[in-house]
């Protein structure tokens, strides 16, 4: 895997790696690897008010039990046993990390990453999302996400062709990487200002 486009998605990892617990591991330690091509770069879009995948760290990300929704159960890895669901009403065993958690994890691992946050948006591209546009227009937002993702992946490919085929661009390779309600107009060859 050479890159990830994350639209309001999250990831679960063991609660013992929750860096909000004093004396325990940092989140990034669960993902550490000696392999240069592990932990692929990520470009992500998520609303701060996401109620499905809580954006900011804290107890709202603690995962006590699965719901019936498809993305909170697993049946692909089990043979003839039905769905696997986490059921623990007392102590959370895993944390559901957001795009923001993943951004910070990849930053700690020095991985190329970009995060686009909309302070007003909920989960998905509802009419509360604008990602730097003055008004909501789903077609404009989808086009913007596709354009940013294409440039992001082109940057990875260009780096691997021209610099090092066995590694990813480092974190901050193209300067600014965290955009809050702010459009990014950089093209592939630019590594400085985002013209915001």
N, C-alpha and C. Protein backbone atom coordinates (compact mmCIF):
# COMPACT_ATOMS: atom_id res chain seq x y z
N UNK A 1 0.85 -1.18 0.00
CA UNK A 1 0.00 0.00 0.00
C UNK A 1 0.90 1.24 0.00
N UNK A 2 0.65 2.14 -0.92
CA UNK A 2 1.52 3.32 -1.06
C UNK A 2 0.88 4.61 -0.59
N UNK A 3 -0.42 4.60 -0.29
CA UNK A 3 -1.05 5.81 0.18
C UNK A 3 -2.50 5.55 0.54
N UNK A 4 -3.05 6.41 1.41
CA UNK A 4 -4.41 6.24 1.91
C UNK A 4 -5.17 7.54 1.75
N UNK A 5 -6.39 7.46 1.20
CA UNK A 5 -7.33 8.57 1.22
C UNK A 5 -8.37 8.22 2.27
N UNK A 6 -8.43 9.01 3.32
CA UNK A 6 -9.31 8.76 4.45
C UNK A 6 -10.38 9.85 4.48
N UNK A 7 -11.62 9.46 4.26
CA UNK A 7 -12.75 10.40 4.33
C UNK A 7 -13.60 10.04 5.55
N UNK A 8 -13.36 10.72 6.65
CA UNK A 8 -14.11 10.55 7.90
C UNK A 8 -13.93 9.17 8.51
N UNK A 9 -12.86 8.47 8.15
CA UNK A 9 -12.64 7.13 8.68
C UNK A 9 -11.81 7.14 9.94
N UNK A 10 -11.79 6.02 10.61
CA UNK A 10 -11.01 5.88 11.83
C UNK A 10 -10.34 4.53 11.87
N UNK A 11 -9.68 4.25 12.98
CA UNK A 11 -8.99 2.99 13.17
C UNK A 11 -9.04 2.65 14.64
N UNK A 12 -9.17 1.38 14.95
CA UNK A 12 -9.15 0.99 16.36
C UNK A 12 -7.80 0.38 16.69
N UNK A 13 -7.35 0.66 17.89
CA UNK A 13 -6.10 0.07 18.38
C UNK A 13 -6.22 -0.13 19.89
N UNK A 14 -5.36 -0.96 20.49
CA UNK A 14 -5.52 -1.29 21.91
C UNK A 14 -5.49 -0.06 22.81
N UNK A 15 -6.39 -0.06 23.78
CA UNK A 15 -6.51 1.07 24.71
C UNK A 15 -5.21 1.31 25.48
N UNK A 16 -4.41 0.28 25.65
CA UNK A 16 -3.15 0.46 26.39
C UNK A 16 -2.19 1.41 25.67
N UNK A 17 -2.44 1.68 24.38
CA UNK A 17 -1.61 2.61 23.63
C UNK A 17 -2.22 4.01 23.56
N UNK A 18 -3.25 4.24 24.33
CA UNK A 18 -3.88 5.56 24.39
C UNK A 18 -2.97 6.50 25.17
N UNK A 19 -2.43 7.52 24.51
CA UNK A 19 -1.46 8.38 25.18
C UNK A 19 -2.09 9.32 26.20
N UNK A 20 -3.41 9.22 26.39
CA UNK A 20 -4.03 10.02 27.45
C UNK A 20 -3.95 9.31 28.80
N UNK A 21 -3.49 8.06 28.80
CA UNK A 21 -3.35 7.32 30.05
C UNK A 21 -1.90 7.47 30.52
N UNK A 22 -1.73 8.07 31.70
CA UNK A 22 -0.38 8.31 32.21
C UNK A 22 0.35 6.99 32.44
N UNK A 23 1.61 6.98 32.06
CA UNK A 23 2.44 5.81 32.30
C UNK A 23 2.29 4.71 31.28
N UNK A 24 1.43 4.91 30.30
CA UNK A 24 1.24 3.88 29.29
C UNK A 24 1.96 4.27 28.00
N UNK A 25 1.75 3.51 26.96
CA UNK A 25 2.40 3.75 25.68
C UNK A 25 1.81 4.95 24.96
N UNK A 26 2.56 5.45 23.98
CA UNK A 26 2.05 6.47 23.07
C UNK A 26 1.31 5.76 21.92
N UNK A 27 0.37 6.47 21.31
CA UNK A 27 -0.41 5.86 20.23
C UNK A 27 0.48 5.36 19.09
N UNK A 28 1.47 6.15 18.72
CA UNK A 28 2.29 5.78 17.56
C UNK A 28 3.07 4.50 17.79
N UNK A 29 3.34 4.14 19.06
CA UNK A 29 4.16 2.96 19.33
C UNK A 29 3.51 1.68 18.83
N UNK A 30 2.17 1.66 18.77
CA UNK A 30 1.48 0.47 18.28
C UNK A 30 1.76 0.24 16.79
N UNK A 31 2.09 1.34 16.08
CA UNK A 31 2.27 1.27 14.62
C UNK A 31 3.73 1.29 14.20
N UNK A 32 4.65 1.39 15.16
CA UNK A 32 6.08 1.48 14.81
C UNK A 32 6.54 0.24 14.05
N UNK A 33 7.46 0.46 13.12
CA UNK A 33 8.00 -0.63 12.31
C UNK A 33 9.37 -0.24 11.79
N UNK A 34 10.19 -1.25 11.56
CA UNK A 34 11.51 -1.01 10.98
C UNK A 34 11.47 -1.00 9.46
N UNK A 35 10.33 -1.35 8.89
CA UNK A 35 10.19 -1.39 7.44
C UNK A 35 9.86 0.00 6.89
N UNK A 36 10.64 0.48 5.92
CA UNK A 36 10.46 1.83 5.39
C UNK A 36 9.12 2.06 4.71
N UNK A 37 8.51 1.00 4.18
CA UNK A 37 7.26 1.16 3.46
C UNK A 37 6.04 0.76 4.28
N UNK A 38 6.20 0.53 5.58
CA UNK A 38 5.05 0.33 6.46
C UNK A 38 4.45 1.68 6.82
N UNK A 39 3.21 1.69 7.24
CA UNK A 39 2.50 2.91 7.63
C UNK A 39 2.50 3.92 6.49
N UNK A 40 1.71 3.62 5.49
CA UNK A 40 1.66 4.43 4.28
C UNK A 40 1.20 5.86 4.57
N UNK A 41 1.63 6.82 3.75
CA UNK A 41 1.16 8.20 3.89
C UNK A 41 -0.36 8.29 3.77
N UNK A 42 -0.93 9.32 4.41
CA UNK A 42 -2.38 9.47 4.42
C UNK A 42 -2.78 10.91 4.15
N UNK A 43 -3.79 11.08 3.33
CA UNK A 43 -4.48 12.36 3.19
C UNK A 43 -5.89 12.12 3.73
N UNK A 44 -6.35 13.01 4.63
CA UNK A 44 -7.60 12.76 5.33
C UNK A 44 -8.47 14.01 5.38
N UNK A 45 -9.79 13.78 5.36
CA UNK A 45 -10.80 14.82 5.48
C UNK A 45 -11.78 14.38 6.55
N UNK A 46 -12.00 15.24 7.55
CA UNK A 46 -12.95 14.89 8.61
C UNK A 46 -13.46 16.14 9.28
N UNK A 47 -14.73 16.06 9.73
CA UNK A 47 -15.34 17.15 10.49
C UNK A 47 -15.04 17.02 11.96
N UNK A 48 -14.78 18.15 12.60
CA UNK A 48 -14.50 18.14 14.04
C UNK A 48 -15.73 17.70 14.85
N UNK A 49 -16.92 17.90 14.30
CA UNK A 49 -18.15 17.54 15.01
C UNK A 49 -18.65 16.15 14.63
N UNK A 50 -17.80 15.32 14.08
CA UNK A 50 -18.16 13.96 13.67
C UNK A 50 -18.68 13.18 14.88
N UNK A 51 -19.90 12.70 14.78
CA UNK A 51 -20.49 11.92 15.87
C UNK A 51 -20.35 10.43 15.68
N UNK A 52 -19.90 9.98 14.53
CA UNK A 52 -19.71 8.56 14.25
C UNK A 52 -18.30 8.13 14.63
N UNK A 53 -17.32 8.87 14.17
CA UNK A 53 -15.91 8.64 14.53
C UNK A 53 -15.46 9.90 15.28
N UNK A 54 -15.50 9.90 16.61
CA UNK A 54 -15.16 11.11 17.37
C UNK A 54 -13.79 11.65 17.00
N UNK A 55 -13.74 12.95 16.71
CA UNK A 55 -12.54 13.57 16.15
C UNK A 55 -11.42 13.74 17.17
N UNK A 56 -11.74 14.34 18.30
CA UNK A 56 -10.71 14.64 19.30
C UNK A 56 -10.56 13.50 20.29
N UNK A 57 -9.36 13.36 20.84
CA UNK A 57 -9.08 12.31 21.80
C UNK A 57 -9.89 12.49 23.08
N UNK A 58 -9.97 11.43 23.87
CA UNK A 58 -10.70 11.48 25.12
C UNK A 58 -11.59 10.27 25.25
N UNK A 59 -12.41 10.27 26.28
CA UNK A 59 -13.24 9.09 26.56
C UNK A 59 -14.29 8.83 25.48
N UNK A 60 -14.62 9.85 24.67
CA UNK A 60 -15.60 9.61 23.61
C UNK A 60 -15.07 8.62 22.57
N UNK A 61 -13.75 8.43 22.52
CA UNK A 61 -13.16 7.48 21.57
C UNK A 61 -13.03 6.07 22.15
N UNK A 62 -13.32 5.91 23.44
CA UNK A 62 -13.27 4.58 24.03
C UNK A 62 -14.34 3.71 23.39
N UNK A 63 -13.97 2.48 23.07
CA UNK A 63 -14.84 1.59 22.32
C UNK A 63 -15.25 0.44 23.25
N UNK A 64 -16.49 0.50 23.76
CA UNK A 64 -16.96 -0.50 24.71
C UNK A 64 -17.63 -1.68 24.05
N UNK A 65 -18.39 -1.43 23.00
CA UNK A 65 -19.13 -2.52 22.38
C UNK A 65 -19.42 -2.16 20.93
N UNK A 66 -19.61 -3.17 20.13
CA UNK A 66 -19.90 -2.98 18.72
C UNK A 66 -21.38 -2.70 18.52
N UNK A 67 -21.68 -2.03 17.44
CA UNK A 67 -23.07 -1.83 17.05
C UNK A 67 -23.36 -2.72 15.85
N UNK A 68 -24.56 -2.62 15.35
CA UNK A 68 -24.94 -3.45 14.21
C UNK A 68 -24.39 -2.92 12.89
N UNK A 69 -23.86 -1.70 12.88
CA UNK A 69 -23.38 -1.14 11.63
C UNK A 69 -22.19 -1.92 11.10
N UNK A 70 -22.07 -1.96 9.79
CA UNK A 70 -21.09 -2.82 9.14
C UNK A 70 -19.65 -2.50 9.55
N UNK A 71 -19.35 -1.22 9.82
CA UNK A 71 -17.96 -0.88 10.10
C UNK A 71 -17.61 -1.05 11.58
N UNK A 72 -18.51 -1.60 12.38
CA UNK A 72 -18.19 -1.84 13.78
C UNK A 72 -18.34 -3.31 14.16
N UNK A 73 -18.19 -4.17 13.17
CA UNK A 73 -18.17 -5.61 13.43
C UNK A 73 -17.24 -6.25 12.40
N UNK A 74 -16.89 -7.50 12.62
CA UNK A 74 -15.94 -8.17 11.74
C UNK A 74 -16.39 -9.60 11.52
N UNK A 75 -16.42 -10.04 10.27
CA UNK A 75 -16.71 -11.45 10.02
C UNK A 75 -15.83 -12.02 8.92
N UNK A 76 -14.88 -11.25 8.43
CA UNK A 76 -14.04 -11.71 7.33
C UNK A 76 -12.98 -12.71 7.79
N UNK A 77 -12.53 -12.59 9.02
CA UNK A 77 -11.41 -13.40 9.49
C UNK A 77 -11.85 -14.63 10.26
N UNK A 78 -13.13 -14.83 10.41
CA UNK A 78 -13.63 -15.94 11.20
C UNK A 78 -14.34 -16.94 10.30
N UNK A 79 -14.20 -18.23 10.61
CA UNK A 79 -14.79 -19.27 9.79
C UNK A 79 -16.03 -19.83 10.49
N UNK A 80 -17.18 -19.67 9.84
CA UNK A 80 -18.44 -20.27 10.32
C UNK A 80 -18.80 -19.90 11.75
N UNK A 81 -18.43 -18.71 12.19
CA UNK A 81 -18.77 -18.33 13.56
C UNK A 81 -19.61 -17.06 13.61
N UNK A 82 -19.96 -16.52 12.46
CA UNK A 82 -20.76 -15.30 12.45
C UNK A 82 -19.92 -14.06 12.71
N UNK A 83 -20.59 -13.02 13.14
CA UNK A 83 -19.91 -11.75 13.35
C UNK A 83 -19.19 -11.73 14.68
N UNK A 84 -17.98 -11.15 14.67
CA UNK A 84 -17.27 -10.88 15.91
C UNK A 84 -17.62 -9.47 16.36
N UNK A 85 -18.02 -9.32 17.60
CA UNK A 85 -18.32 -8.00 18.13
C UNK A 85 -17.63 -7.84 19.47
N UNK A 86 -17.16 -6.62 19.72
CA UNK A 86 -16.57 -6.32 21.02
C UNK A 86 -17.71 -6.02 21.97
N UNK A 87 -17.75 -6.73 23.10
CA UNK A 87 -18.78 -6.49 24.11
C UNK A 87 -18.10 -6.41 25.46
N UNK A 88 -17.95 -5.20 25.96
CA UNK A 88 -17.32 -4.99 27.25
C UNK A 88 -17.92 -3.72 27.83
N UNK A 89 -18.82 -3.86 28.74
CA UNK A 89 -19.53 -2.70 29.28
C UNK A 89 -18.82 -2.04 30.44
N UNK A 90 -17.71 -2.60 30.90
CA UNK A 90 -17.04 -2.05 32.07
C UNK A 90 -15.79 -1.25 31.72
N UNK A 91 -14.84 -1.89 31.09
CA UNK A 91 -13.58 -1.23 30.76
C UNK A 91 -13.32 -1.33 29.27
N UNK A 92 -13.04 -0.21 28.62
CA UNK A 92 -12.77 -0.28 27.18
C UNK A 92 -11.45 -0.99 26.91
N UNK A 93 -11.43 -1.82 25.88
CA UNK A 93 -10.20 -2.52 25.53
C UNK A 93 -9.55 -1.93 24.29
N UNK A 94 -10.32 -1.19 23.51
CA UNK A 94 -9.75 -0.55 22.33
C UNK A 94 -10.22 0.90 22.26
N UNK A 95 -9.49 1.68 21.49
CA UNK A 95 -9.80 3.08 21.26
C UNK A 95 -10.08 3.24 19.78
N UNK A 96 -11.08 4.02 19.45
CA UNK A 96 -11.40 4.31 18.06
C UNK A 96 -10.76 5.64 17.69
N UNK A 97 -9.64 5.58 17.01
CA UNK A 97 -8.92 6.79 16.62
C UNK A 97 -9.52 7.41 15.37
N UNK A 98 -9.40 8.72 15.27
CA UNK A 98 -9.94 9.47 14.14
C UNK A 98 -8.83 9.82 13.15
N UNK A 99 -9.20 10.58 12.12
CA UNK A 99 -8.18 11.10 11.19
C UNK A 99 -7.18 11.97 11.92
N UNK A 100 -7.63 12.69 12.94
CA UNK A 100 -6.74 13.53 13.73
C UNK A 100 -5.73 12.68 14.50
N UNK A 101 -6.19 11.57 15.11
CA UNK A 101 -5.26 10.65 15.77
C UNK A 101 -4.25 10.10 14.78
N UNK A 102 -4.75 9.67 13.62
CA UNK A 102 -3.86 9.09 12.60
C UNK A 102 -2.85 10.12 12.09
N UNK A 103 -3.29 11.36 11.94
CA UNK A 103 -2.37 12.43 11.53
C UNK A 103 -1.22 12.56 12.52
N UNK A 104 -1.55 12.58 13.82
CA UNK A 104 -0.52 12.71 14.84
C UNK A 104 0.37 11.47 14.93
N UNK A 105 -0.23 10.29 14.72
CA UNK A 105 0.56 9.05 14.71
C UNK A 105 1.56 9.08 13.55
N UNK A 106 1.08 9.41 12.35
CA UNK A 106 1.96 9.44 11.19
C UNK A 106 3.02 10.54 11.30
N UNK A 107 2.67 11.65 11.94
CA UNK A 107 3.66 12.70 12.19
C UNK A 107 4.77 12.16 13.09
N UNK A 108 4.40 11.45 14.15
CA UNK A 108 5.40 10.86 15.05
C UNK A 108 6.28 9.84 14.34
N UNK A 109 5.73 9.18 13.32
CA UNK A 109 6.49 8.19 12.56
C UNK A 109 7.18 8.81 11.34
N UNK A 110 7.12 10.15 11.24
CA UNK A 110 7.74 10.90 10.15
C UNK A 110 7.22 10.49 8.78
N UNK A 111 5.91 10.23 8.71
CA UNK A 111 5.29 9.85 7.45
C UNK A 111 4.60 11.06 6.82
N UNK A 112 4.67 11.13 5.52
CA UNK A 112 4.01 12.16 4.73
C UNK A 112 2.51 12.08 4.97
N UNK A 113 1.89 13.18 5.37
CA UNK A 113 0.47 13.17 5.69
C UNK A 113 -0.11 14.57 5.57
N UNK A 114 -1.39 14.64 5.21
CA UNK A 114 -2.13 15.90 5.18
C UNK A 114 -3.49 15.66 5.81
N UNK A 115 -3.94 16.64 6.62
CA UNK A 115 -5.25 16.55 7.26
C UNK A 115 -6.04 17.82 6.95
N UNK A 116 -7.27 17.63 6.49
CA UNK A 116 -8.19 18.73 6.19
C UNK A 116 -9.36 18.62 7.16
N UNK A 117 -9.45 19.61 8.05
CA UNK A 117 -10.48 19.60 9.09
C UNK A 117 -11.53 20.67 8.79
N UNK A 118 -12.79 20.29 8.95
CA UNK A 118 -13.88 21.26 8.88
C UNK A 118 -14.46 21.37 10.29
N UNK A 119 -14.32 22.52 10.95
CA UNK A 119 -14.76 22.66 12.34
C UNK A 119 -16.26 22.45 12.53
N UNK A 120 -17.06 22.68 11.49
CA UNK A 120 -18.52 22.61 11.63
C UNK A 120 -19.11 21.29 11.16
N UNK A 121 -18.35 20.51 10.43
CA UNK A 121 -18.91 19.32 9.76
C UNK A 121 -19.10 18.15 10.71
N UNK A 122 -20.15 17.39 10.43
CA UNK A 122 -20.37 16.12 11.09
C UNK A 122 -19.74 15.02 10.22
N UNK A 123 -20.24 13.81 10.35
CA UNK A 123 -19.71 12.68 9.58
C UNK A 123 -20.17 12.78 8.12
N UNK A 124 -19.25 12.65 7.19
CA UNK A 124 -19.62 12.67 5.78
C UNK A 124 -19.63 14.07 5.20
N UNK A 125 -20.32 14.19 4.07
CA UNK A 125 -20.35 15.47 3.35
C UNK A 125 -21.74 16.09 3.38
N UNK A 126 -22.32 16.16 4.57
CA UNK A 126 -23.63 16.78 4.71
C UNK A 126 -23.55 18.28 4.50
N UNK A 127 -24.69 18.96 4.60
CA UNK A 127 -24.72 20.38 4.27
C UNK A 127 -24.07 21.28 5.33
N UNK A 128 -23.44 20.67 6.33
CA UNK A 128 -22.67 21.46 7.30
C UNK A 128 -21.18 21.48 6.94
N UNK A 129 -20.79 20.78 5.91
CA UNK A 129 -19.38 20.70 5.51
C UNK A 129 -19.08 21.73 4.41
N UNK A 130 -17.90 22.38 4.51
CA UNK A 130 -17.51 23.26 3.40
C UNK A 130 -16.01 23.24 3.13
N UNK A 131 -15.18 22.77 4.06
CA UNK A 131 -13.74 22.62 3.87
C UNK A 131 -13.08 23.83 3.20
N UNK A 132 -13.47 25.02 3.64
CA UNK A 132 -12.84 26.23 3.14
C UNK A 132 -13.62 26.96 2.07
N UNK A 133 -14.66 26.32 1.54
CA UNK A 133 -15.53 27.02 0.60
C UNK A 133 -16.48 27.90 1.42
N UNK A 134 -16.92 28.97 0.86
CA UNK A 134 -17.79 29.88 1.61
C UNK A 134 -19.15 29.29 1.91
N UNK A 135 -19.66 28.49 1.00
CA UNK A 135 -20.97 27.87 1.19
C UNK A 135 -20.88 26.40 0.84
N UNK A 136 -21.86 25.64 1.30
CA UNK A 136 -21.90 24.21 1.02
C UNK A 136 -22.26 23.97 -0.44
N UNK A 137 -21.44 23.16 -1.09
CA UNK A 137 -21.72 22.70 -2.44
C UNK A 137 -21.03 21.34 -2.58
N UNK A 138 -21.81 20.27 -2.51
CA UNK A 138 -21.23 18.93 -2.49
C UNK A 138 -20.36 18.65 -3.71
N UNK A 139 -20.77 19.10 -4.89
CA UNK A 139 -19.97 18.86 -6.09
C UNK A 139 -18.60 19.52 -5.98
N UNK A 140 -18.55 20.76 -5.48
CA UNK A 140 -17.27 21.46 -5.32
C UNK A 140 -16.39 20.76 -4.29
N UNK A 141 -16.99 20.29 -3.21
CA UNK A 141 -16.21 19.63 -2.16
C UNK A 141 -15.65 18.30 -2.65
N UNK A 142 -16.48 17.51 -3.34
CA UNK A 142 -16.00 16.23 -3.88
C UNK A 142 -14.88 16.46 -4.88
N UNK A 143 -15.05 17.43 -5.77
CA UNK A 143 -14.01 17.75 -6.75
C UNK A 143 -12.72 18.16 -6.04
N UNK A 144 -12.83 18.97 -5.00
CA UNK A 144 -11.67 19.42 -4.24
C UNK A 144 -10.96 18.23 -3.59
N UNK A 145 -11.71 17.31 -2.98
CA UNK A 145 -11.10 16.14 -2.34
C UNK A 145 -10.37 15.29 -3.38
N UNK A 146 -10.99 15.09 -4.53
CA UNK A 146 -10.36 14.30 -5.60
C UNK A 146 -9.08 14.99 -6.09
N UNK A 147 -9.13 16.31 -6.29
CA UNK A 147 -7.94 17.03 -6.73
C UNK A 147 -6.81 16.94 -5.72
N UNK A 148 -7.14 17.16 -4.43
CA UNK A 148 -6.09 17.11 -3.40
C UNK A 148 -5.51 15.70 -3.30
N UNK A 149 -6.36 14.68 -3.39
CA UNK A 149 -5.87 13.31 -3.31
C UNK A 149 -4.98 12.98 -4.50
N UNK A 150 -5.36 13.40 -5.69
CA UNK A 150 -4.55 13.14 -6.89
C UNK A 150 -3.17 13.78 -6.75
N UNK A 151 -3.13 15.01 -6.29
CA UNK A 151 -1.84 15.69 -6.12
C UNK A 151 -1.02 15.02 -5.03
N UNK A 152 -1.68 14.59 -3.95
CA UNK A 152 -1.00 13.89 -2.87
C UNK A 152 -0.33 12.61 -3.38
N UNK A 153 -1.09 11.80 -4.13
CA UNK A 153 -0.54 10.54 -4.63
C UNK A 153 0.51 10.77 -5.71
N UNK A 154 0.34 11.80 -6.53
CA UNK A 154 1.37 12.14 -7.51
C UNK A 154 2.68 12.53 -6.83
N UNK A 155 2.58 13.23 -5.72
CA UNK A 155 3.77 13.61 -4.97
C UNK A 155 4.51 12.39 -4.45
N UNK A 156 3.77 11.41 -3.95
CA UNK A 156 4.39 10.17 -3.47
C UNK A 156 5.09 9.46 -4.62
N UNK A 157 4.40 9.34 -5.76
CA UNK A 157 5.00 8.64 -6.91
C UNK A 157 6.23 9.38 -7.42
N UNK A 158 6.15 10.69 -7.50
CA UNK A 158 7.29 11.48 -7.97
C UNK A 158 8.48 11.31 -7.04
N UNK A 159 8.24 11.32 -5.74
CA UNK A 159 9.31 11.13 -4.76
C UNK A 159 9.97 9.76 -4.95
N UNK A 160 9.15 8.73 -5.15
CA UNK A 160 9.70 7.39 -5.27
C UNK A 160 10.42 7.18 -6.61
N UNK A 161 10.04 7.93 -7.63
CA UNK A 161 10.74 7.84 -8.92
C UNK A 161 12.04 8.64 -8.88
N UNK A 162 11.99 9.84 -8.30
CA UNK A 162 13.11 10.77 -8.39
C UNK A 162 14.03 10.79 -7.17
N UNK A 163 13.57 10.31 -6.03
CA UNK A 163 14.39 10.41 -4.83
C UNK A 163 14.76 9.03 -4.28
N UNK A 164 13.76 8.25 -3.88
CA UNK A 164 14.04 6.95 -3.26
C UNK A 164 12.84 6.03 -3.47
N UNK A 165 12.98 5.00 -4.29
CA UNK A 165 11.84 4.11 -4.56
C UNK A 165 11.43 3.26 -3.36
N UNK A 166 12.28 3.18 -2.35
CA UNK A 166 12.02 2.31 -1.21
C UNK A 166 11.61 3.05 0.05
N UNK A 167 11.16 4.29 -0.10
CA UNK A 167 10.69 5.03 1.07
C UNK A 167 9.63 6.03 0.65
N UNK A 168 9.02 6.65 1.66
CA UNK A 168 7.99 7.66 1.42
C UNK A 168 8.57 9.04 1.68
N UNK A 169 7.94 10.08 1.14
CA UNK A 169 8.35 11.43 1.51
C UNK A 169 8.20 11.60 3.02
N UNK A 170 9.05 12.40 3.65
CA UNK A 170 8.94 12.60 5.10
C UNK A 170 7.78 13.52 5.46
N UNK A 171 7.43 13.53 6.73
CA UNK A 171 6.40 14.44 7.22
C UNK A 171 6.84 15.88 6.93
N UNK A 172 5.90 16.69 6.48
CA UNK A 172 6.21 18.09 6.19
C UNK A 172 6.96 18.29 4.90
N UNK A 173 7.02 17.27 4.05
CA UNK A 173 7.76 17.35 2.79
C UNK A 173 7.29 18.52 1.94
N UNK A 174 6.00 18.83 2.00
CA UNK A 174 5.47 19.95 1.23
C UNK A 174 5.01 21.07 2.15
N UNK A 175 5.73 21.25 3.26
CA UNK A 175 5.46 22.32 4.23
C UNK A 175 4.12 22.07 4.92
N UNK A 176 3.20 23.05 4.91
CA UNK A 176 1.95 22.93 5.66
C UNK A 176 1.26 21.60 5.38
N UNK A 177 0.74 20.99 6.45
CA UNK A 177 0.09 19.70 6.27
C UNK A 177 -1.24 19.59 7.00
N UNK A 178 -1.63 20.61 7.75
CA UNK A 178 -2.87 20.58 8.52
C UNK A 178 -3.69 21.81 8.15
N UNK A 179 -4.83 21.59 7.52
CA UNK A 179 -5.64 22.68 6.98
C UNK A 179 -7.00 22.70 7.68
N UNK A 180 -7.29 23.79 8.39
CA UNK A 180 -8.54 23.93 9.11
C UNK A 180 -9.40 24.95 8.37
N UNK A 181 -10.48 24.48 7.74
CA UNK A 181 -11.39 25.35 7.00
C UNK A 181 -10.62 26.26 6.04
N UNK A 182 -9.66 25.69 5.37
CA UNK A 182 -8.73 26.47 4.55
C UNK A 182 -8.36 25.65 3.34
N UNK A 183 -8.58 26.20 2.15
CA UNK A 183 -8.26 25.46 0.93
C UNK A 183 -6.76 25.48 0.65
N UNK A 184 -6.30 24.41 0.08
CA UNK A 184 -4.89 24.24 -0.28
C UNK A 184 -4.82 24.25 -1.81
N UNK A 185 -4.07 25.19 -2.36
CA UNK A 185 -3.99 25.33 -3.82
C UNK A 185 -2.65 24.86 -4.41
N UNK A 186 -1.81 24.25 -3.59
CA UNK A 186 -0.50 23.83 -4.11
C UNK A 186 -0.65 22.81 -5.23
N UNK A 187 0.28 22.88 -6.18
CA UNK A 187 0.36 21.84 -7.20
C UNK A 187 1.59 20.98 -6.90
N UNK A 188 1.80 19.95 -7.69
CA UNK A 188 2.78 18.92 -7.34
C UNK A 188 4.19 19.42 -7.11
N UNK A 189 4.63 20.37 -7.90
CA UNK A 189 6.03 20.78 -7.79
C UNK A 189 6.27 21.74 -6.64
N UNK A 190 5.22 22.24 -6.01
CA UNK A 190 5.38 23.24 -4.96
C UNK A 190 5.55 22.58 -3.59
N UNK A 191 6.47 23.09 -2.82
CA UNK A 191 6.71 22.56 -1.47
C UNK A 191 6.61 23.65 -0.42
N UNK A 192 6.17 24.84 -0.79
CA UNK A 192 6.11 25.94 0.17
C UNK A 192 4.69 26.32 0.50
N UNK A 193 4.33 27.57 0.20
CA UNK A 193 3.05 28.13 0.58
C UNK A 193 1.90 27.35 -0.04
N UNK A 194 0.80 27.30 0.71
CA UNK A 194 -0.40 26.66 0.17
C UNK A 194 -1.33 27.68 -0.49
N UNK A 195 -0.87 28.94 -0.61
CA UNK A 195 -1.64 30.02 -1.23
C UNK A 195 -2.96 30.27 -0.50
N UNK A 196 -3.02 29.95 0.77
CA UNK A 196 -4.29 30.07 1.50
C UNK A 196 -4.56 31.52 1.88
